[in-house]
Amino acid sequence: MKLNIEQASLHLGIAQASLRRKLKTGEVSGIREPYAGGFRWMVNISEDAPPIEEAEDAALVAELKARVNNLEEQLTIRAGEIDQLHRLLAQTALNAAPVRPWWRFWG
């Protein structure tokens, strides 16, 4: 069966950019058909073709999850630092408050 890039990517369970790359490298077979303004790829897929599992995508997902976890840890640390700064500012404001107004100093 012949499907366009969008349909084939949904059928195979991969991103359209990954499918285009696989078409260019020859990992997936397809043909270029003339289309308004250029051409479009029609991908040859068998009816029982299983979804393509990409190790590179799995590695990328794992790396991005690690980065997210790292950023969440940093965010928690920064939230604690901000809370501590707010306490210090409040304490400084209390310590700096005059006991009596300045105009009553001479009177």
N, C-alpha and C. Protein backbone atom coordinates (compact mmCIF):
# COMPACT_ATOMS: atom_id res chain seq x y z
N MET A 1 0.85 -1.17 0.00
CA MET A 1 0.00 0.00 0.00
C MET A 1 0.89 1.23 0.00
N LYS A 2 0.46 2.28 -0.64
CA LYS A 2 1.21 3.53 -0.71
C LYS A 2 0.52 4.58 0.16
N LEU A 3 1.32 5.20 1.03
CA LEU A 3 0.80 6.23 1.91
C LEU A 3 1.69 7.46 1.81
N ASN A 4 1.09 8.63 2.07
CA ASN A 4 1.92 9.83 2.08
C ASN A 4 2.72 9.86 3.40
N ILE A 5 3.58 10.85 3.54
CA ILE A 5 4.48 10.92 4.70
C ILE A 5 3.70 10.94 6.01
N GLU A 6 2.67 11.76 6.07
CA GLU A 6 1.90 11.89 7.31
C GLU A 6 1.24 10.57 7.70
N GLN A 7 0.56 9.95 6.75
CA GLN A 7 -0.13 8.69 7.03
C GLN A 7 0.87 7.59 7.39
N ALA A 8 1.98 7.51 6.66
CA ALA A 8 2.98 6.48 6.91
C ALA A 8 3.62 6.65 8.28
N SER A 9 3.88 7.90 8.67
CA SER A 9 4.50 8.12 9.98
C SER A 9 3.55 7.70 11.10
N LEU A 10 2.27 7.97 10.93
CA LEU A 10 1.29 7.52 11.93
C LEU A 10 1.21 5.99 11.96
N HIS A 11 1.22 5.37 10.78
CA HIS A 11 1.12 3.91 10.69
C HIS A 11 2.35 3.23 11.31
N LEU A 12 3.53 3.80 11.07
CA LEU A 12 4.76 3.20 11.58
C LEU A 12 5.09 3.62 13.00
N GLY A 13 4.45 4.68 13.47
CA GLY A 13 4.69 5.14 14.83
C GLY A 13 5.99 5.90 15.00
N ILE A 14 6.41 6.63 13.96
CA ILE A 14 7.63 7.44 14.04
C ILE A 14 7.31 8.86 13.57
N ALA A 15 8.23 9.77 13.85
CA ALA A 15 8.05 11.16 13.44
C ALA A 15 8.22 11.30 11.93
N GLN A 16 7.60 12.32 11.39
CA GLN A 16 7.70 12.56 9.94
C GLN A 16 9.14 12.84 9.54
N ALA A 17 9.86 13.59 10.37
CA ALA A 17 11.27 13.89 10.05
C ALA A 17 12.10 12.60 10.02
N SER A 18 11.83 11.69 10.95
CA SER A 18 12.55 10.41 10.96
C SER A 18 12.23 9.60 9.70
N LEU A 19 10.98 9.63 9.30
CA LEU A 19 10.57 8.89 8.11
C LEU A 19 11.24 9.48 6.86
N ARG A 20 11.29 10.79 6.77
CA ARG A 20 11.96 11.43 5.62
C ARG A 20 13.44 11.03 5.58
N ARG A 21 14.08 11.01 6.76
CA ARG A 21 15.48 10.61 6.83
C ARG A 21 15.65 9.17 6.37
N LYS A 22 14.75 8.29 6.80
CA LYS A 22 14.83 6.88 6.40
C LYS A 22 14.58 6.71 4.91
N LEU A 23 13.72 7.54 4.33
CA LEU A 23 13.50 7.49 2.89
C LEU A 23 14.77 7.91 2.13
N LYS A 24 15.41 8.96 2.62
CA LYS A 24 16.62 9.45 1.94
C LYS A 24 17.77 8.45 2.04
N THR A 25 17.87 7.74 3.17
CA THR A 25 18.96 6.78 3.34
C THR A 25 18.63 5.42 2.74
N GLY A 26 17.37 5.21 2.38
CA GLY A 26 16.97 3.95 1.76
C GLY A 26 16.51 2.88 2.74
N GLU A 27 16.37 3.22 4.01
CA GLU A 27 15.90 2.25 5.00
C GLU A 27 14.43 1.91 4.77
N VAL A 28 13.69 2.85 4.22
CA VAL A 28 12.27 2.66 3.89
C VAL A 28 12.12 2.96 2.41
N SER A 29 11.33 2.14 1.73
CA SER A 29 11.16 2.36 0.29
C SER A 29 9.98 3.29 0.02
N GLY A 30 10.16 4.09 -1.00
CA GLY A 30 9.12 5.02 -1.40
C GLY A 30 9.48 5.64 -2.74
N ILE A 31 8.52 6.35 -3.31
CA ILE A 31 8.76 7.01 -4.59
C ILE A 31 8.34 8.47 -4.48
N ARG A 32 8.99 9.29 -5.29
CA ARG A 32 8.63 10.70 -5.36
C ARG A 32 7.66 10.89 -6.50
N GLU A 33 6.51 11.45 -6.20
CA GLU A 33 5.50 11.71 -7.23
C GLU A 33 5.40 13.22 -7.45
N PRO A 34 5.20 13.63 -8.70
CA PRO A 34 5.00 15.06 -8.96
C PRO A 34 3.76 15.55 -8.23
N TYR A 35 3.85 16.75 -7.69
CA TYR A 35 2.77 17.33 -6.93
C TYR A 35 2.78 18.82 -7.17
N ALA A 36 1.72 19.50 -6.88
CA ALA A 36 1.65 20.95 -7.09
C ALA A 36 2.79 21.63 -6.33
N GLY A 37 3.63 22.33 -7.04
CA GLY A 37 4.73 23.04 -6.42
C GLY A 37 5.95 22.19 -6.16
N GLY A 38 6.02 20.98 -6.68
CA GLY A 38 7.20 20.16 -6.45
C GLY A 38 6.88 18.68 -6.52
N PHE A 39 7.18 17.97 -5.45
CA PHE A 39 6.91 16.54 -5.42
C PHE A 39 6.50 16.16 -4.01
N ARG A 40 5.99 14.95 -3.87
CA ARG A 40 5.70 14.41 -2.55
C ARG A 40 6.12 12.95 -2.52
N TRP A 41 6.48 12.49 -1.35
CA TRP A 41 6.88 11.11 -1.18
C TRP A 41 5.66 10.25 -0.95
N MET A 42 5.63 9.11 -1.63
CA MET A 42 4.63 8.08 -1.36
C MET A 42 5.41 6.87 -0.84
N VAL A 43 5.12 6.45 0.37
CA VAL A 43 5.87 5.41 1.05
C VAL A 43 5.23 4.06 0.80
N ASN A 44 6.05 3.09 0.42
CA ASN A 44 5.55 1.72 0.23
C ASN A 44 5.57 0.99 1.57
N ILE A 45 4.40 0.57 2.01
CA ILE A 45 4.28 -0.13 3.30
C ILE A 45 3.43 -1.36 3.10
N SER A 46 3.90 -2.47 3.65
CA SER A 46 3.08 -3.68 3.57
C SER A 46 1.96 -3.57 4.60
N GLU A 47 0.89 -4.30 4.36
CA GLU A 47 -0.28 -4.22 5.23
C GLU A 47 0.04 -4.63 6.66
N ASP A 48 0.92 -5.59 6.84
CA ASP A 48 1.22 -6.11 8.17
C ASP A 48 2.52 -5.56 8.75
N ALA A 49 2.97 -4.41 8.26
CA ALA A 49 4.22 -3.83 8.74
C ALA A 49 4.08 -3.39 10.19
N PRO A 50 4.96 -3.90 11.05
CA PRO A 50 4.90 -3.48 12.45
C PRO A 50 5.49 -2.09 12.62
N PRO A 51 5.14 -1.40 13.68
CA PRO A 51 5.75 -0.08 13.92
C PRO A 51 7.26 -0.21 14.07
N ILE A 52 7.98 0.78 13.57
CA ILE A 52 9.44 0.79 13.65
C ILE A 52 9.83 1.29 15.03
N GLU A 53 10.67 0.53 15.72
CA GLU A 53 11.18 0.98 17.00
C GLU A 53 12.56 1.57 16.77
N GLU A 54 12.72 2.78 17.22
CA GLU A 54 13.99 3.47 16.98
C GLU A 54 14.76 3.58 18.28
N ALA A 55 15.94 2.98 18.29
CA ALA A 55 16.79 3.04 19.47
C ALA A 55 17.26 4.47 19.72
N GLU A 56 17.50 5.21 18.63
CA GLU A 56 17.98 6.58 18.78
C GLU A 56 16.93 7.45 19.46
N ASP A 57 15.64 7.23 19.15
CA ASP A 57 14.58 7.98 19.79
C ASP A 57 14.47 7.61 21.26
N ALA A 58 14.63 6.32 21.58
CA ALA A 58 14.57 5.88 22.97
C ALA A 58 15.72 6.50 23.76
N ALA A 59 16.91 6.57 23.17
CA ALA A 59 18.05 7.18 23.84
C ALA A 59 17.82 8.67 24.06
N LEU A 60 17.24 9.32 23.06
CA LEU A 60 16.95 10.75 23.18
C LEU A 60 15.94 11.00 24.28
N VAL A 61 14.91 10.18 24.34
CA VAL A 61 13.88 10.32 25.39
C VAL A 61 14.52 10.14 26.76
N ALA A 62 15.39 9.14 26.91
CA ALA A 62 16.06 8.91 28.19
C ALA A 62 16.93 10.10 28.58
N GLU A 63 17.65 10.66 27.61
CA GLU A 63 18.49 11.82 27.88
C GLU A 63 17.65 13.02 28.29
N LEU A 64 16.53 13.24 27.59
CA LEU A 64 15.68 14.37 27.92
C LEU A 64 15.03 14.21 29.30
N LYS A 65 14.66 12.98 29.66
CA LYS A 65 14.09 12.74 30.99
C LYS A 65 15.13 13.03 32.06
N ALA A 66 16.39 12.65 31.82
CA ALA A 66 17.45 12.93 32.78
C ALA A 66 17.64 14.44 32.93
N ARG A 67 17.58 15.16 31.83
CA ARG A 67 17.72 16.62 31.89
C ARG A 67 16.56 17.25 32.66
N VAL A 68 15.35 16.76 32.42
CA VAL A 68 14.18 17.29 33.13
C VAL A 68 14.33 17.05 34.62
N ASN A 69 14.77 15.85 35.01
CA ASN A 69 14.96 15.55 36.43
C ASN A 69 16.01 16.49 37.04
N ASN A 70 17.09 16.72 36.33
CA ASN A 70 18.14 17.62 36.80
C ASN A 70 17.59 19.03 36.97
N LEU A 71 16.82 19.50 36.00
CA LEU A 71 16.25 20.85 36.08
C LEU A 71 15.23 20.96 37.22
N GLU A 72 14.48 19.89 37.46
CA GLU A 72 13.53 19.92 38.59
C GLU A 72 14.27 20.01 39.91
N GLU A 73 15.40 19.30 40.04
CA GLU A 73 16.20 19.39 41.26
C GLU A 73 16.74 20.81 41.44
N GLN A 74 17.24 21.40 40.37
CA GLN A 74 17.76 22.76 40.44
C GLN A 74 16.65 23.75 40.81
N LEU A 75 15.46 23.54 40.27
CA LEU A 75 14.33 24.41 40.57
C LEU A 75 13.96 24.32 42.04
N THR A 76 14.00 23.12 42.61
CA THR A 76 13.70 22.95 44.03
C THR A 76 14.74 23.68 44.88
N ILE A 77 16.00 23.57 44.50
CA ILE A 77 17.06 24.27 45.23
C ILE A 77 16.85 25.78 45.15
N ARG A 78 16.56 26.28 43.96
CA ARG A 78 16.36 27.72 43.79
C ARG A 78 15.14 28.21 44.57
N ALA A 79 14.09 27.42 44.64
CA ALA A 79 12.90 27.81 45.41
C ALA A 79 13.25 27.93 46.88
N GLY A 80 14.07 27.02 47.39
CA GLY A 80 14.53 27.11 48.78
C GLY A 80 15.38 28.35 49.02
N GLU A 81 16.25 28.67 48.06
CA GLU A 81 17.09 29.87 48.19
C GLU A 81 16.24 31.13 48.18
N ILE A 82 15.23 31.17 47.33
CA ILE A 82 14.34 32.34 47.27
C ILE A 82 13.58 32.49 48.58
N ASP A 83 13.10 31.39 49.14
CA ASP A 83 12.39 31.42 50.41
C ASP A 83 13.31 31.96 51.51
N GLN A 84 14.56 31.51 51.53
CA GLN A 84 15.52 31.98 52.51
C GLN A 84 15.79 33.47 52.34
N LEU A 85 15.90 33.94 51.10
CA LEU A 85 16.10 35.37 50.84
C LEU A 85 14.92 36.21 51.32
N HIS A 86 13.71 35.70 51.12
CA HIS A 86 12.53 36.42 51.59
C HIS A 86 12.55 36.56 53.12
N ARG A 87 12.94 35.48 53.80
CA ARG A 87 13.04 35.54 55.26
C ARG A 87 14.09 36.55 55.70
N LEU A 88 15.25 36.54 55.04
CA LEU A 88 16.31 37.50 55.39
C LEU A 88 15.88 38.93 55.14
N LEU A 89 15.18 39.17 54.04
CA LEU A 89 14.69 40.52 53.75
C LEU A 89 13.68 40.98 54.79
N ALA A 90 12.79 40.09 55.18
CA ALA A 90 11.81 40.45 56.19
C ALA A 90 12.49 40.75 57.52
N GLN A 91 13.49 39.94 57.89
CA GLN A 91 14.23 40.15 59.12
C GLN A 91 14.99 41.47 59.07
N THR A 92 15.62 41.77 57.95
CA THR A 92 16.35 43.02 57.79
C THR A 92 15.41 44.22 57.89
N ALA A 93 14.23 44.10 57.28
CA ALA A 93 13.26 45.19 57.34
C ALA A 93 12.81 45.43 58.78
N LEU A 94 12.65 44.38 59.56
CA LEU A 94 12.26 44.53 60.97
C LEU A 94 13.38 45.17 61.78
N ASN A 95 14.61 44.76 61.52
CA ASN A 95 15.74 45.30 62.25
C ASN A 95 16.03 46.76 61.88
N ALA A 96 15.74 47.13 60.66
CA ALA A 96 16.03 48.48 60.19
C ALA A 96 14.91 49.47 60.53
N ALA A 97 13.78 48.99 60.99
CA ALA A 97 12.67 49.88 61.30
C ALA A 97 13.02 50.76 62.50
N PRO A 98 12.81 52.06 62.38
CA PRO A 98 13.14 52.95 63.51
C PRO A 98 12.18 52.71 64.68
N VAL A 99 12.71 52.89 65.85
CA VAL A 99 11.90 52.71 67.05
C VAL A 99 10.93 53.87 67.19
N ARG A 100 11.40 55.05 66.86
CA ARG A 100 10.54 56.23 66.91
C ARG A 100 10.74 57.03 65.64
N PRO A 101 9.79 57.79 65.23
CA PRO A 101 9.95 58.62 64.02
C PRO A 101 11.08 59.61 64.16
N TRP A 102 11.73 59.96 63.09
CA TRP A 102 12.88 60.84 63.11
C TRP A 102 12.56 62.23 63.60
N TRP A 103 11.33 62.70 63.35
CA TRP A 103 10.99 64.06 63.74
C TRP A 103 10.80 64.19 65.26
N ARG A 104 10.68 63.08 65.95
CA ARG A 104 10.54 63.15 67.39
C ARG A 104 11.89 63.03 68.10
N PHE A 105 12.94 62.96 67.33
CA PHE A 105 14.26 62.82 67.92
C PHE A 105 14.64 64.09 68.71
N TRP A 106 14.28 65.26 68.17
CA TRP A 106 14.66 66.52 68.82
C TRP A 106 13.57 67.05 69.73
N GLY A 107 12.48 66.40 69.76
CA GLY A 107 11.39 67.00 70.52
C GLY A 107 11.02 66.37 71.79
